[in-house]
Protein backbone atom coordinates (compact mmCIF):
# COMPACT_ATOMS: atom_id res chain seq x y z
CA UNK A 1 63.11 175.90 56.37
CA UNK A 2 65.22 173.59 54.20
CA UNK A 3 64.70 173.28 50.44
CA UNK A 4 66.32 170.67 48.20
CA UNK A 5 66.23 170.31 44.43
CA UNK A 6 66.99 167.13 42.48
CA UNK A 7 67.02 166.56 38.70
CA UNK A 8 65.62 163.84 36.49
CA UNK A 9 67.86 161.33 34.76
CA UNK A 10 68.22 159.63 31.40
CA UNK A 11 69.83 156.26 30.77
CA UNK A 12 71.46 156.45 27.37
CA UNK A 13 72.75 152.88 27.44
CA UNK A 14 72.58 150.01 29.90
CA UNK A 15 68.98 149.83 31.11
CA UNK A 16 68.15 146.36 32.48
CA UNK A 17 71.68 145.17 31.70
CA UNK A 18 73.00 147.18 34.67
CA UNK A 19 70.93 144.96 36.99
CA UNK A 20 73.27 142.13 35.94
CA UNK A 21 76.49 144.11 36.52
CA UNK A 22 76.81 145.37 32.94
CA UNK A 23 77.90 148.90 31.98
CA UNK A 24 75.40 151.75 32.08
CA UNK A 25 75.78 155.32 30.79
CA UNK A 26 73.48 157.99 32.15
CA UNK A 27 73.08 161.71 32.68
CA UNK A 28 70.89 164.17 34.52
CA UNK A 29 68.15 166.23 32.87
CA UNK A 30 66.70 169.64 33.69
CA UNK A 31 63.37 168.42 35.04
CA UNK A 32 63.17 168.74 38.82
CA UNK A 33 61.74 167.62 42.13
CA UNK A 34 61.61 170.24 44.87
CA UNK A 35 61.29 169.28 48.52
CA UNK A 36 60.56 171.88 51.19
CA UNK A 37 60.97 170.88 54.84
CA UNK A 38 59.85 172.78 57.94
CA UNK A 39 60.24 172.02 61.62
CA UNK A 40 57.22 170.12 62.94
CA UNK A 41 54.85 171.42 65.60
CA UNK A 42 54.06 167.91 66.79
CA UNK A 43 56.13 164.75 67.17
CA UNK A 44 55.10 163.38 63.77
CA UNK A 45 56.43 163.48 60.22
CA UNK A 46 53.95 164.99 57.76
CA UNK A 47 54.51 164.44 54.03
CA UNK A 48 52.38 166.34 51.54
CA UNK A 49 52.85 165.43 47.88
CA UNK A 50 51.05 167.26 45.08
CA UNK A 51 50.82 163.92 43.27
CA UNK A 52 50.06 161.45 46.09
CA UNK A 53 48.33 163.51 48.76
CA UNK A 54 49.09 163.97 52.45
CA UNK A 55 50.03 161.46 55.18
CA UNK A 56 51.16 161.71 58.80
CA UNK A 57 53.17 159.13 60.70
CA UNK A 58 54.49 159.12 64.26
CA UNK A 59 58.03 158.16 65.17
CA UNK A 60 56.78 154.80 66.40
CA UNK A 61 54.87 154.17 63.16
CA UNK A 62 57.94 154.98 61.08
CA UNK A 63 60.14 152.72 63.20
CA UNK A 64 57.61 149.91 62.84
CA UNK A 65 57.44 150.52 59.07
CA UNK A 66 61.21 150.20 58.71
CA UNK A 67 61.33 147.01 60.77
CA UNK A 68 58.48 145.50 58.72
CA UNK A 69 59.94 146.44 55.33
CA UNK A 70 63.43 145.25 56.27
CA UNK A 71 62.00 141.94 57.45
CA UNK A 72 60.07 141.49 54.19
CA UNK A 73 63.18 142.34 52.15
CA UNK A 74 65.32 139.86 54.10
CA UNK A 75 62.76 137.14 53.33
CA UNK A 76 62.54 138.10 49.66
CA UNK A 77 58.90 139.18 49.90
CA UNK A 78 59.11 141.65 47.01
CA UNK A 79 55.49 141.15 45.98
CA UNK A 80 54.26 141.96 49.49
CA UNK A 81 56.35 145.14 49.57
CA UNK A 82 54.98 146.27 46.20
CA UNK A 83 51.43 145.70 47.45
CA UNK A 84 52.15 147.95 50.44
CA UNK A 85 53.57 150.64 48.16
CA UNK A 86 50.58 150.41 45.83
CA UNK A 87 48.26 151.07 48.77
CA UNK A 88 50.41 153.95 50.09
CA UNK A 89 52.51 155.80 47.49
CA UNK A 90 54.19 157.90 50.21
CA UNK A 91 55.42 154.83 52.09
CA UNK A 92 58.87 154.78 50.36
CA UNK A 93 59.50 158.42 51.36
CA UNK A 94 58.64 157.61 54.98
CA UNK A 95 60.96 154.62 54.72
CA UNK A 96 63.84 156.83 53.54
CA UNK A 97 63.16 159.16 56.49
CA UNK A 98 63.09 156.17 58.81
CA UNK A 99 66.42 154.81 57.55
CA UNK A 100 68.03 158.23 58.02
CA UNK A 101 66.45 158.68 61.46
CA UNK A 102 67.64 155.24 62.54
CA UNK A 103 71.22 156.23 61.81
CA UNK A 104 71.32 159.95 62.61
CA UNK A 105 68.40 160.68 64.94
CA UNK A 106 64.75 161.63 64.64
CA UNK A 107 63.32 165.13 64.33
CA UNK A 108 59.65 165.85 63.55
CA UNK A 109 58.97 167.93 60.47
CA UNK A 110 56.57 168.78 57.67
CA UNK A 111 57.67 167.93 54.12
CA UNK A 112 56.24 169.27 50.85
CA UNK A 113 57.04 167.38 47.63
CA UNK A 114 56.52 168.93 44.20
CA UNK A 115 57.87 167.08 41.15
CA UNK A 116 57.79 167.74 37.41
CA UNK A 117 59.86 164.62 36.61
CA UNK A 118 58.03 162.28 34.21
CA UNK A 119 57.77 158.58 34.95
CA UNK A 120 60.64 156.63 33.42
CA UNK A 121 63.09 159.50 33.93
CA UNK A 122 63.95 158.63 37.52
CA UNK A 123 60.81 160.14 39.04
CA UNK A 124 60.95 158.08 42.23
CA UNK A 125 64.72 158.36 42.71
CA UNK A 126 64.48 162.12 42.17
CA UNK A 127 61.95 162.39 45.03
CA UNK A 128 63.94 160.16 47.38
CA UNK A 129 67.20 162.00 46.62
CA UNK A 130 65.60 165.35 47.47
CA UNK A 131 63.99 163.91 50.62
CA UNK A 132 67.29 162.39 51.78
CA UNK A 133 69.21 165.58 51.02
CA UNK A 134 66.69 167.86 52.79
CA UNK A 135 66.13 165.68 55.87
CA UNK A 136 69.85 165.06 56.44
CA UNK A 137 70.49 168.80 56.24
CA UNK A 138 67.59 169.34 58.67
CA UNK A 139 69.36 166.91 61.03
CA UNK A 140 72.60 168.91 60.50
CA UNK A 141 74.25 165.87 58.93
CA UNK A 142 76.52 166.38 55.91
CA UNK A 143 76.00 163.43 53.59
CA UNK A 144 78.26 162.74 50.62
CA UNK A 145 76.84 162.26 47.14
CA UNK A 146 77.48 158.55 47.57
CA UNK A 147 75.52 158.46 50.83
CA UNK A 148 72.57 160.40 49.40
CA UNK A 149 72.52 157.97 46.49
CA UNK A 150 72.50 155.06 48.93
CA UNK A 151 69.48 156.32 50.89
CA UNK A 152 67.62 157.29 47.71
CA UNK A 153 68.18 153.81 46.33
CA UNK A 154 66.77 152.32 49.54
CA UNK A 155 63.50 154.04 48.64
CA UNK A 156 63.79 152.96 45.01
CA UNK A 157 64.05 149.33 46.08
CA UNK A 158 60.53 149.54 47.48
CA UNK A 159 59.20 150.92 44.19
CA UNK A 160 61.15 148.80 41.70
CA UNK A 161 62.05 145.66 43.62
CA UNK A 162 65.69 145.27 42.60
CA UNK A 163 66.98 148.44 40.93
CA UNK A 164 70.61 148.62 39.90
CA UNK A 165 71.12 151.96 41.66
CA UNK A 166 71.94 153.86 38.46
CA UNK A 167 68.92 156.18 38.87
CA UNK A 168 69.67 157.18 42.44
CA UNK A 169 73.40 157.64 41.99
CA UNK A 170 73.08 159.55 38.69
CA UNK A 171 70.71 162.01 40.37
CA UNK A 172 72.84 162.38 43.49
CA UNK A 173 76.10 162.94 41.58
CA UNK A 174 74.73 164.88 38.61
CA UNK A 175 76.39 165.39 35.22
CA UNK A 176 77.39 162.39 33.14
CA UNK A 177 78.32 159.04 34.65
CA UNK A 178 79.21 155.49 33.80
CA UNK A 179 77.98 152.90 36.28
CA UNK A 180 78.50 149.26 37.09
CA UNK A 181 77.07 147.73 40.27
CA UNK A 182 80.36 146.08 41.24
CA UNK A 183 82.38 149.25 40.58
CA UNK A 184 79.94 152.06 41.38
CA UNK A 185 79.90 155.54 39.88
CA UNK A 186 82.53 156.95 37.54
CA UNK A 187 81.92 160.62 36.59
CA UNK A 188 82.49 161.39 32.91
CA UNK A 189 83.84 164.58 31.37
CA UNK A 190 81.42 165.27 28.51
CA UNK A 191 81.58 168.79 27.12
CA UNK A 192 79.40 168.79 24.03
CA UNK A 193 75.66 169.04 23.46
CA UNK A 194 73.65 166.05 22.27
CA UNK A 195 70.55 167.14 20.27
CA UNK A 196 68.16 164.87 22.16
CA UNK A 197 64.40 164.88 22.32
CA UNK A 198 62.50 163.01 25.00
CA UNK A 199 59.26 161.52 23.68
CA UNK A 200 56.81 160.29 26.30
CA UNK A 201 54.57 157.46 25.09
CA UNK A 202 52.10 158.46 27.84
CA UNK A 203 51.95 154.78 28.79
CA UNK A 204 52.83 154.15 32.46
CA UNK A 205 56.39 152.91 32.81
CA UNK A 206 56.65 149.35 34.13
CA UNK A 207 60.20 149.23 35.42
CA UNK A 208 59.61 146.83 38.29
CA UNK A 209 57.48 144.49 36.20
CA UNK A 210 60.04 144.42 33.38
CA UNK A 211 62.93 143.79 35.78
CA UNK A 212 61.04 140.87 37.30
CA UNK A 213 60.01 139.55 33.88
CA UNK A 214 63.62 139.47 32.68
CA UNK A 215 64.63 137.76 35.92
CA UNK A 216 62.06 135.04 35.24
CA UNK A 217 63.28 134.70 31.65
CA UNK A 218 66.82 134.34 32.96
CA UNK A 219 65.73 131.35 35.05
CA UNK A 220 63.91 129.73 32.12
CA UNK A 221 66.44 130.40 29.36
CA UNK A 222 69.70 131.48 30.94
CA UNK A 223 71.90 131.12 27.87
CA UNK A 224 69.56 133.15 25.63
CA UNK A 225 69.24 136.02 28.12
CA UNK A 226 72.96 136.07 28.94
CA UNK A 227 73.81 136.28 25.23
CA UNK A 228 71.62 139.38 24.94
CA UNK A 229 73.01 140.96 28.12
CA UNK A 230 76.59 140.38 26.97
CA UNK A 231 75.86 142.08 23.65
CA UNK A 232 74.18 144.99 25.43
CA UNK A 233 77.33 145.36 27.54
CA UNK A 234 79.46 145.45 24.37
CA UNK A 235 77.19 148.11 22.86
CA UNK A 236 77.49 150.25 26.01
CA UNK A 237 81.30 150.05 25.87
CA UNK A 238 81.24 151.02 22.19
CA UNK A 239 78.90 153.90 23.03
CA UNK A 240 81.23 155.17 25.74
CA UNK A 241 84.04 155.36 23.17
CA UNK A 242 81.75 157.13 20.68
CA UNK A 243 80.65 159.60 23.35
CA UNK A 244 84.25 160.46 24.18
CA UNK A 245 84.99 160.94 20.47
CA UNK A 246 81.83 163.09 20.11
CA UNK A 247 80.75 160.81 17.29
CA UNK A 248 77.01 161.50 17.15
CA UNK A 249 76.16 159.28 14.16
CA UNK A 250 77.91 156.31 15.76
CA UNK A 251 76.02 156.94 19.00
CA UNK A 252 72.77 156.98 17.05
CA UNK A 253 73.47 153.68 15.35
CA UNK A 254 74.37 152.13 18.70
CA UNK A 255 71.10 153.42 20.18
CA UNK A 256 69.18 151.56 17.48
CA UNK A 257 71.25 148.44 17.98
CA UNK A 258 70.60 148.51 21.73
CA UNK A 259 66.88 148.85 21.06
CA UNK A 260 66.80 145.92 18.64
CA UNK A 261 68.81 143.71 21.00
CA UNK A 262 66.83 144.41 24.18
CA UNK A 263 63.55 144.18 22.22
CA UNK A 264 64.26 140.45 21.87
CA UNK A 265 63.20 140.11 25.51
CA UNK A 266 59.68 141.34 24.67
CA UNK A 267 59.53 144.36 26.96
CA UNK A 268 58.79 146.98 24.31
CA UNK A 269 55.28 148.19 23.42
CA UNK A 270 53.59 149.21 20.13
CA UNK A 271 53.86 152.89 21.09
CA UNK A 272 57.56 152.67 21.91
CA UNK A 273 58.09 150.83 18.63
CA UNK A 274 56.18 153.54 16.76
CA UNK A 275 58.34 156.29 18.32
CA UNK A 276 61.48 154.50 17.14
CA UNK A 277 59.99 153.85 13.68
CA UNK A 278 59.09 157.53 13.21
CA UNK A 279 62.65 158.50 14.08
CA UNK A 280 64.10 156.02 11.58
CA UNK A 281 61.74 157.23 8.85
CA UNK A 282 63.09 160.76 9.43
CA UNK A 283 66.78 159.85 9.40
CA UNK A 284 67.04 160.03 13.19
CA UNK A 285 67.85 157.53 15.92
CA UNK A 286 65.82 156.46 18.93
CA UNK A 287 65.51 153.94 21.72
CA UNK A 288 63.40 153.55 24.85
CA UNK A 289 65.05 154.72 28.04
CA UNK A 290 64.63 153.53 31.61
CA UNK A 291 62.38 150.62 32.45
CA UNK A 292 60.69 149.99 29.07
CA UNK A 293 57.18 148.52 29.05
CA UNK A 294 55.96 152.09 28.52
CA UNK A 295 57.43 155.44 29.50
CA UNK A 296 59.81 157.44 27.34
CA UNK A 297 62.12 157.20 24.35
CA UNK A 298 65.15 159.33 23.61
CA UNK A 299 65.52 160.58 20.04
CA UNK A 300 68.80 161.79 18.54
CA UNK A 301 68.06 163.98 15.54
CA UNK A 302 69.63 166.65 13.37
CA UNK A 303 66.13 168.08 12.78
CA UNK A 304 64.61 168.01 16.28
CA UNK A 305 62.01 170.74 15.64
CA UNK A 306 60.50 168.95 12.66
CA UNK A 307 60.42 165.66 14.52
CA UNK A 308 58.89 167.32 17.56
CA UNK A 309 55.95 168.46 15.40
CA UNK A 310 55.47 164.97 13.99
CA UNK A 311 55.42 163.35 17.42
CA UNK A 312 52.99 165.92 18.78
CA UNK A 313 50.57 165.32 15.91
CA UNK A 314 50.67 161.64 16.89
CA UNK A 315 49.63 162.56 20.42
CA UNK A 316 52.95 162.16 22.21
CA UNK A 317 54.38 164.54 24.80
CA UNK A 318 57.78 165.85 23.69
CA UNK A 319 60.44 168.06 25.24
CA UNK A 320 64.05 169.02 24.52
CA UNK A 321 66.43 167.40 26.94
CA UNK A 322 69.14 169.63 28.41
CA UNK A 323 71.66 167.13 29.70
CA UNK A 324 74.32 167.14 32.41
CA UNK A 325 72.36 169.06 35.06
CA UNK A 326 73.78 169.57 38.54
CA UNK A 327 72.93 166.76 40.95
CA UNK A 328 70.73 167.00 44.03
CA UNK A 329 71.48 170.10 46.11
CA UNK A 330 70.27 172.35 48.88
CA UNK A 331 68.55 175.53 47.71
CA UNK A 332 67.82 177.06 51.11
CA UNK A 333 68.58 176.28 54.74
């Protein structure tokens, strides 16, 4: 049996802007996906997810799936791919298996997926990273962190349409990273604790929809959107300097500025706005993280316990974020 464990991730700065080759800053979080893989008794791949149920596909079905998805991607049929994923939530995991099998060989197996990663914290990339890590080890192939990130992002493309890759590569590398699409991953040496809370709005994250919405706005009003994206890039660079200086108050102010700037593109929600407002009323800092349109906010506070109580009374799910977790890894082989 092979077991792999992959963490969640937080984007501190750069969400949506990274899609347009701007700077992103992210880190891993101690919420995990565990994938257990056993040798198959038949010639099929069986995937059993506690969240999405159980599916079986033959080698031929997986090969056909990969050919079909790749053809749709080449023709820009993102909507059609999303419809397929909506009807079969395990399809992206089979696709990741298929891409690996196409390059390194096919072996039947049974895969169990168990994830505690909330939506908006890299939940899909965490699953695909663990699947890629476990299946490659099962095939006796030693993949680099970069390669695991690549295969995980192949799965993420089916879920989110055109992700930047920051989720997949943050989870595969682990720790703290800066990321730009044209430059790739740059690990960061961050050795101090940020007192962060993660507040889940309990609204479903809409990463793919928000990415597509901003893309449409870019076509309609290019200058307006580019002005926002350029400012977001400047904020991320300023935040990287503040992070290296361990200047927490400056980081907090930049979080709020990022929120106010990206909010101009109308992808926030009343609940996300309320989470930020509560933080500001309590001399703390907050911003949505990940895809916006729902999902989670990160809150930087000197009084996290008091704020945690306030958010819980408002009906939000809250947890302390322990940052800089180890990236995807093999637990057992």
